[in-house]
Amino acid sequence: MTELPLVSAVNVSEGRDRATLEVLAAACGESLLDLHADPDHHRSVLTLGGPGPAVVAAVRSLVRTAVDTLDLSRHRGAHPRFGVVDVVPFAPVGSHELADPLEARDTLAVWAGATLGVPCFLYGPMPDGGERSLPEVRRGAFDTLRPDTGPDRPHPRAGAMAVGARRPLVAYNLWVDGLSVGELRAVAAQVRSAAVRTLALALSSGSQVSCNLVEPELVGPAEAYDRVAAALPAAARIRRAEVVGLVPRAVLERIDVRRFGTLGLRDDLCLEARMDDPSLRTRRP
């Protein structure tokens, strides 16, 4: 693996216990750029970035600590999940070249399956030349899909893990007032596209459209916000917007800074800025 920079936004099934989150954050060492904890989802995203080998080592440390610390059988949260370390994506920084993310993905999955006994499902470009998406993994795991590495059944406490190689994306949440979650599901379906994956969730903090912007250069936070707003009836409104994790600089630079407040954006959420300036790290739980 080269020393080119990688980023990994690791999704863990813990968003409430501060002491546990501090333990998980410490396992990441100097590679940790950001920690975003969500008690409603009962889920946190730890964003790690830097030279590829350092990121892979830090992710391995985080995964081992999470598997040793967390117990999926006791987990209750709004967001779908099938493992204590639910998703581990590797993405390039500043490019779309996937050679290093693919190597990182495959290395981590083999290690986690063999050493920790956690079954891993790969997503992104596959060895047979096809492509598998994360939603396909969620739908098919242990049913139409067998694990790519590790045991054929879930780990008794840790469940399973999706490990991917992909281009950079942006995770983006919008809280909507004035609609039931059932009505909001219709809005989420209307906004959903090849560039935007959406879920409608009922949270203690209100109804939410949770978005993965998988082509953020085409549909970024501003476009996603506007599409949801346009799909709402007159009696409903977007109350709040939030980025989960960090945003590539090229995506932020496309957005009028005068909209940052409304869109839930800030300059210090720039991925490359966090990598370049350690003083900007991290948002602790």
Protein backbone atom coordinates (compact mmCIF):
# COMPACT_ATOMS: atom_id res chain seq x y z
CA MET A 1 0.00 0.00 0.00
CA THR A 2 1.22 3.49 -0.83
CA GLU A 3 1.47 6.43 1.56
CA LEU A 4 -1.34 8.26 -0.26
CA PRO A 5 -4.00 9.55 2.14
CA LEU A 6 -7.05 7.49 3.00
CA VAL A 7 -10.12 8.27 5.04
CA SER A 8 -12.33 5.80 6.89
CA ALA A 9 -15.62 6.80 8.55
CA VAL A 10 -16.13 3.84 10.88
CA ASN A 11 -19.73 3.33 12.07
CA VAL A 12 -20.00 1.76 15.53
CA SER A 13 -23.14 0.75 17.41
CA GLU A 14 -22.65 3.01 20.44
CA GLY A 15 -23.82 6.60 20.69
CA ARG A 16 -24.71 7.19 24.33
CA ASP A 17 -22.05 6.20 26.82
CA ARG A 18 -19.38 8.89 27.02
CA ALA A 19 -16.80 6.74 28.78
CA THR A 20 -17.09 3.99 26.16
CA LEU A 21 -16.81 6.50 23.33
CA GLU A 22 -13.65 7.92 24.87
CA VAL A 23 -12.16 4.41 24.94
CA LEU A 24 -13.03 3.92 21.27
CA ALA A 25 -11.62 7.34 20.37
CA ALA A 26 -8.37 6.61 22.19
CA ALA A 27 -7.94 3.41 20.18
CA CYS A 28 -7.70 5.50 17.00
CA GLY A 29 -4.60 7.40 18.13
CA GLU A 30 -3.44 10.35 16.03
CA SER A 31 -5.49 9.19 13.03
CA LEU A 32 -8.79 10.33 14.58
CA LEU A 33 -10.13 13.42 12.80
CA ASP A 34 -13.69 13.53 14.11
CA LEU A 35 -16.13 11.74 16.38
CA HIS A 36 -19.85 12.23 15.80
CA ALA A 37 -22.11 10.56 18.39
CA ASP A 38 -25.88 10.23 17.97
CA PRO A 39 -27.85 8.96 20.99
CA ASP A 40 -31.10 8.49 19.02
CA HIS A 41 -29.41 6.36 16.38
CA HIS A 42 -27.30 4.87 19.21
CA ARG A 43 -24.48 5.06 16.71
CA SER A 44 -21.25 6.97 16.28
CA VAL A 45 -19.07 7.72 13.29
CA LEU A 46 -15.36 7.96 13.95
CA THR A 47 -13.54 9.51 11.00
CA LEU A 48 -9.89 8.49 10.63
CA GLY A 49 -7.55 9.98 8.06
CA GLY A 50 -3.92 10.14 7.01
CA PRO A 51 -1.39 8.00 5.15
CA GLY A 52 -2.92 4.71 4.12
CA PRO A 53 -0.88 2.31 6.31
CA ALA A 54 -1.43 4.45 9.41
CA VAL A 55 -5.19 4.61 8.80
CA VAL A 56 -5.42 0.83 8.32
CA ALA A 57 -3.53 0.25 11.58
CA ALA A 58 -5.74 2.71 13.45
CA VAL A 59 -8.93 1.17 12.06
CA ARG A 60 -7.71 -2.26 13.13
CA SER A 61 -7.13 -0.95 16.66
CA LEU A 62 -10.59 0.61 16.75
CA VAL A 63 -12.28 -2.55 15.46
CA ARG A 64 -10.54 -4.76 18.01
CA THR A 65 -11.46 -2.39 20.84
CA ALA A 66 -15.11 -2.19 19.73
CA VAL A 67 -15.41 -5.97 19.44
CA ASP A 68 -13.89 -6.37 22.91
CA THR A 69 -16.07 -3.63 24.44
CA LEU A 70 -19.52 -3.60 22.81
CA ASP A 71 -22.35 -6.15 22.78
CA LEU A 72 -24.86 -6.09 19.94
CA SER A 73 -27.35 -8.25 21.84
CA ARG A 74 -27.95 -5.33 24.23
CA HIS A 75 -28.18 -2.68 21.55
CA ARG A 76 -31.34 -0.71 20.80
CA GLY A 77 -31.26 2.18 18.33
CA ALA A 78 -33.15 3.77 15.46
CA HIS A 79 -30.56 3.13 12.75
CA PRO A 80 -30.32 -0.27 11.01
CA ARG A 81 -27.22 -2.23 12.08
CA PHE A 82 -25.92 -5.79 12.07
CA GLY A 83 -22.66 -5.40 13.96
CA VAL A 84 -20.98 -3.53 16.79
CA VAL A 85 -18.67 -2.27 14.08
CA ASP A 86 -21.39 -1.95 11.49
CA VAL A 87 -19.64 -0.37 8.51
CA VAL A 88 -15.97 0.27 7.71
CA PRO A 89 -15.52 2.15 4.42
CA PHE A 90 -12.16 3.13 2.97
CA ALA A 91 -12.03 6.05 0.53
CA PRO A 92 -9.28 8.05 -1.18
CA VAL A 93 -8.72 11.70 -0.36
CA GLY A 94 -8.61 14.12 -3.27
CA SER A 95 -9.14 11.50 -5.96
CA HIS A 96 -11.40 8.67 -7.10
CA GLU A 97 -8.59 6.11 -7.39
CA LEU A 98 -9.62 2.97 -5.47
CA ALA A 99 -6.49 0.78 -5.58
CA ASP A 100 -5.39 1.62 -2.01
CA PRO A 101 -8.95 1.57 -0.56
CA LEU A 102 -9.48 -1.88 -2.09
CA GLU A 103 -6.24 -3.18 -0.59
CA ALA A 104 -7.18 -1.70 2.80
CA ARG A 105 -10.67 -3.22 2.61
CA ASP A 106 -9.51 -6.70 1.73
CA THR A 107 -6.68 -6.70 4.29
CA LEU A 108 -8.98 -5.61 7.12
CA ALA A 109 -11.72 -8.09 6.22
CA VAL A 110 -9.31 -11.04 6.15
CA TRP A 111 -7.82 -9.99 9.50
CA ALA A 112 -11.17 -9.41 11.22
CA GLY A 113 -12.57 -12.71 10.00
CA ALA A 114 -9.52 -14.78 10.94
CA THR A 115 -8.38 -13.02 14.14
CA LEU A 116 -11.60 -11.73 15.70
CA GLY A 117 -14.05 -14.29 14.31
CA VAL A 118 -16.26 -11.53 12.90
CA PRO A 119 -17.85 -12.37 9.53
CA CYS A 120 -17.24 -9.63 6.96
CA PHE A 121 -19.23 -8.72 3.87
CA LEU A 122 -17.40 -6.74 1.19
CA TYR A 123 -18.96 -3.92 -0.80
CA GLY A 124 -17.72 -1.74 -3.63
CA PRO A 125 -15.86 -3.25 -6.61
CA MET A 126 -15.79 -7.03 -6.27
CA PRO A 127 -13.12 -9.55 -7.37
CA ASP A 128 -15.42 -10.90 -10.13
CA GLY A 129 -15.57 -7.47 -11.75
CA GLY A 130 -19.01 -6.63 -10.43
CA GLU A 131 -20.12 -4.01 -7.94
CA ARG A 132 -21.92 -4.58 -4.63
CA SER A 133 -23.60 -1.79 -2.69
CA LEU A 134 -23.95 -1.41 1.06
CA PRO A 135 -27.78 -1.64 0.80
CA GLU A 136 -27.33 -4.96 -1.02
CA VAL A 137 -25.21 -6.21 1.88
CA ARG A 138 -27.84 -5.15 4.42
CA ARG A 139 -30.63 -6.87 2.48
CA GLY A 140 -28.77 -10.08 1.75
CA ALA A 141 -26.43 -10.75 4.68
CA PHE A 142 -26.71 -14.38 5.88
CA ASP A 143 -29.59 -14.90 3.45
CA THR A 144 -28.70 -14.52 -0.21
CA LEU A 145 -25.12 -13.47 0.67
CA ARG A 146 -22.56 -15.49 2.57
CA PRO A 147 -19.70 -13.72 4.37
CA ASP A 148 -16.64 -13.05 2.23
CA THR A 149 -14.34 -13.68 5.19
CA GLY A 150 -14.77 -15.17 8.65
CA PRO A 151 -17.38 -17.57 10.02
CA ASP A 152 -20.70 -18.34 8.31
CA ARG A 153 -22.70 -17.12 11.30
CA PRO A 154 -22.73 -13.86 13.26
CA HIS A 155 -20.32 -13.38 16.14
CA PRO A 156 -22.39 -13.84 19.34
CA ARG A 157 -21.66 -10.32 20.65
CA ALA A 158 -20.17 -8.46 17.69
CA GLY A 159 -22.50 -9.57 14.89
CA ALA A 160 -21.03 -8.94 11.45
CA MET A 161 -19.27 -6.15 9.60
CA ALA A 162 -19.59 -4.52 6.18
CA VAL A 163 -16.19 -3.47 4.84
CA GLY A 164 -16.08 -1.35 1.72
CA ALA A 165 -14.00 0.57 -0.78
CA ARG A 166 -15.77 3.56 -2.25
CA ARG A 167 -15.39 7.12 -3.41
CA PRO A 168 -15.90 9.88 -0.83
CA LEU A 169 -19.50 10.46 0.25
CA VAL A 170 -21.29 12.81 2.65
CA ALA A 171 -23.68 11.62 5.37
CA TYR A 172 -26.38 14.21 5.92
CA ASN A 173 -29.43 14.35 8.20
CA LEU A 174 -32.49 16.59 7.95
CA TRP A 175 -35.12 16.94 10.71
CA VAL A 176 -38.60 17.66 9.37
CA ASP A 177 -41.53 19.10 11.34
CA GLY A 178 -45.17 18.69 10.34
CA LEU A 179 -45.13 15.12 8.98
CA SER A 180 -45.50 11.69 10.48
CA VAL A 181 -42.66 9.27 9.82
CA GLY A 182 -44.98 7.40 7.45
CA GLU A 183 -45.54 10.54 5.41
CA LEU A 184 -41.82 11.29 5.55
CA ARG A 185 -41.05 7.87 4.05
CA ALA A 186 -42.87 8.99 0.91
CA VAL A 187 -40.73 12.14 0.82
CA ALA A 188 -37.55 10.10 1.28
CA ALA A 189 -38.57 7.80 -1.56
CA GLN A 190 -39.25 10.78 -3.82
CA VAL A 191 -35.78 12.23 -3.14
CA ARG A 192 -33.96 8.89 -3.41
CA SER A 193 -31.80 8.40 -6.52
CA ALA A 194 -28.55 6.86 -7.70
CA ALA A 195 -26.75 9.83 -6.10
CA VAL A 196 -28.78 9.98 -2.87
CA ARG A 197 -29.68 7.10 -0.55
CA THR A 198 -32.37 7.96 1.99
CA LEU A 199 -34.10 6.58 5.09
CA ALA A 200 -36.98 8.12 7.05
CA LEU A 201 -36.55 7.57 10.80
CA ALA A 202 -38.68 8.32 13.86
CA LEU A 203 -36.42 9.69 16.61
CA SER A 204 -37.03 11.17 20.04
CA SER A 205 -35.79 14.45 18.55
CA GLY A 206 -38.32 14.30 15.70
CA SER A 207 -38.76 12.78 12.25
CA GLN A 208 -35.60 12.63 10.18
CA VAL A 209 -34.53 12.02 6.59
CA SER A 210 -31.12 10.38 6.83
CA CYS A 211 -29.15 10.72 3.58
CA ASN A 212 -26.00 9.22 2.14
CA LEU A 213 -24.85 11.53 -0.66
CA VAL A 214 -22.86 9.02 -2.69
CA GLU A 215 -22.05 11.44 -5.51
CA PRO A 216 -21.61 14.67 -3.51
CA GLU A 217 -19.97 16.49 -6.41
CA LEU A 218 -23.34 16.22 -8.18
CA VAL A 219 -25.78 16.17 -5.27
CA GLY A 220 -24.22 17.72 -2.18
CA PRO A 221 -25.82 19.04 1.02
CA ALA A 222 -27.32 22.09 -0.70
CA GLU A 223 -28.98 20.04 -3.44
CA ALA A 224 -30.20 17.40 -0.97
CA TYR A 225 -31.68 20.06 1.32
CA ASP A 226 -33.43 21.75 -1.60
CA ARG A 227 -34.82 18.47 -2.95
CA VAL A 228 -36.28 17.50 0.43
CA ALA A 229 -37.69 21.01 0.92
CA ALA A 230 -39.31 20.93 -2.53
CA ALA A 231 -40.92 17.55 -1.78
CA LEU A 232 -42.56 18.70 1.45
CA PRO A 233 -46.18 19.84 1.62
CA ALA A 234 -46.87 23.44 2.63
CA ALA A 235 -47.56 22.51 6.27
CA ALA A 236 -44.13 20.89 6.77
CA ARG A 237 -40.66 22.40 7.06
CA ILE A 238 -37.03 21.43 7.58
CA ARG A 239 -36.16 22.33 11.17
CA ARG A 240 -32.48 21.40 11.28
CA ALA A 241 -29.68 20.01 9.13
CA GLU A 242 -26.56 18.13 10.21
CA VAL A 243 -23.46 16.65 8.61
CA VAL A 244 -22.34 13.34 10.10
CA GLY A 245 -18.56 13.30 9.94
CA LEU A 246 -16.65 15.49 7.50
CA VAL A 247 -17.05 16.94 4.01
CA PRO A 248 -14.44 16.96 1.21
CA ARG A 249 -13.15 20.43 0.39
CA ALA A 250 -14.31 20.21 -3.23
CA VAL A 251 -17.88 19.67 -2.03
CA LEU A 252 -17.83 22.60 0.39
CA GLU A 253 -16.34 24.92 -2.20
CA ARG A 254 -19.39 24.44 -4.45
CA ILE A 255 -21.73 25.85 -1.79
CA ASP A 256 -22.50 29.52 -1.15
CA VAL A 257 -21.07 30.24 2.31
CA ARG A 258 -24.14 32.35 3.06
CA ARG A 259 -26.13 29.09 3.19
CA PHE A 260 -23.78 27.31 5.60
CA GLY A 261 -25.85 28.06 8.70
CA THR A 262 -29.10 26.83 7.19
CA LEU A 263 -27.41 23.74 5.74
CA GLY A 264 -25.66 22.81 8.99
CA LEU A 265 -22.20 23.40 7.54
CA ARG A 266 -19.05 24.97 8.97
CA ASP A 267 -15.57 25.59 7.61
CA ASP A 268 -14.05 23.30 10.24
CA LEU A 269 -16.03 20.32 8.87
CA CYS A 270 -13.67 20.23 5.88
CA LEU A 271 -11.96 16.84 5.67
CA GLU A 272 -8.68 18.13 4.29
CA ALA A 273 -8.56 20.96 6.86
CA ARG A 274 -8.81 18.41 9.70
CA MET A 275 -6.03 16.36 8.14
CA ASP A 276 -3.77 19.39 7.72
CA ASP A 277 -4.42 21.06 11.10
CA PRO A 278 -4.47 18.84 14.21
CA SER A 279 -5.83 21.77 16.26
CA LEU A 280 -9.21 21.32 14.50
CA ARG A 281 -9.61 17.76 15.76
CA THR A 282 -12.07 16.47 17.06
CA ARG A 283 -15.68 16.89 18.05
CA ARG A 284 -15.92 14.78 21.16
CA PRO A 285 -19.18 13.22 22.32
